Amino acid sequence: EVAFLKKGFGILYVISRMVDLIFIKDMLMHFFLKVSRFQGNKEIWIRSRRGLAINYLKSWFIVDFVSILPYDHIEDLTAFSWTSVRNLKLLRLLRVMRLLRLAQVLKATRLAERWRSRITLSSSMIRLLKFATLLLITCHWMGCIWGFAGSVEGTNLSCRHELPVDDPRREIYPSREVFLRDPDGREDAFNPQAWVGMSWTTHFARNRAASTPTNICSPVTLYMISLYWATMTLTSIGYGDILPVTFTEYCLCNVAMLISSCIWAYIIGAVCTIVYTMDMEQSHFDERMDAFNRMAKDNRIPLQLRYRAREYLRASRVHLKYVRSLEVTQSLAVGLRGAIAQHLAMHYLGRIHLFQGTGGHFRQEIATYLKPHFFERQEPIELFGCLSVVERG
């Protein structure tokens, strides 16, 4: 909206006003909803109206108030005294203040934590989704900044909707959407006056858009071109047909390359770690198998014993997975741990005639005392004085 879209009354204007009403309602609710604060290790709840007002005025009030100001109308009032095209485009920077609404996301951490308790996705998948979101947001913001810089600097480029109604070029070129000052390059290329109004957008329109069906005056097209540049910069592919032209654009490229390279390296490293740890059971099995193979090779274990050991390691995967499941429940409450243990043992406790007709509380207590064991094929079982349940074998 700030970088590409032109101000006007439409669906986006209606949505923006509805969002303003929601934020105003949110501001008013902060004067009535109790909040918690920590003093040392003690949590204190603020309930009084005066305390809530003071707390809100000292924390988020300024950010919320600045984010809901009607910058569209401020832009209209200021535009009468700013006549140049460059200054009129710079006025759109006022809309950047609306991005302060994104700070509201910081206040939604408690809600996000509550939602996470109801989400069945694994932590690895949630982290991958976060990295994908970070990647998309970074490309989006870089593309918006790059497109806005090109449109502000490139005053030599004029679109049909920006021309005055009485401009003769409308009648001379009825089908043209893009107009460039001195399109034939008749001015002295080394004259500094000829550099004014140049940017990557004018360079693209003169050298690329003229030979392709690309209308750079379309906000959607300009955004996709800018996003194309941001994706090339972030992924370190390199520049091709979109290059910086002005000093400002070179500065933006330097900053964008430094920041995006760090983000890209961080995401690649984190994703590799997450993918490696997504299947922990397989990772643990591979580590155990590799450790045994190294030990067997170093100590020249006979091949027959190696086959037996590998077969045992493969067959014990289900057992070790069950053991780790029980270890996870040790940090839970006693009742919750017993309920989970009963659920894990439910498929064979109900088949034992000694436990048939017993209550759920009794079975839950029995399930907490069950200890899983695993034996090799044809290995003698010596568990004297214990009630044993053979699950497999």
Foldseek 3Di string as FASTA:
>chain_A
DLQFDDDDDDPVVVVLVVVLVVLVVVVVVQLQDWDWDDDDNDIDIDGDSVVSVVVCVVPCPVLSVQLNPPLVVVLVVVPVVPPDPLVNSVSSVSNVSNVSVVVVVVVCPVVVVVVVVVDPDDPLVVVLVVLVVVVVVLLQVQLSVQSNVQSSQQPQKDFPVRDDPPPCVCVVCVPDGIGGDPLVPPDDPPDVVVNGNDWLLVVCCNPPVVVDVQDCSHSVSSSVVSSVVLVCLLVVVDDDSGDTDDPVSVVSSVVSNVVSPVSSVVSVVVNVVSVLCVCVLVVVLVVVLVVVVVVCVVVVPDPVVNVQVNVQSVVCSVVVVVVVVLVVLPPDDPVVSLVVLLVVCVVCQCVDPVCPPPDPVVSSVVSVPDDDDDDGPPDDDDDPPDDDDDPDD
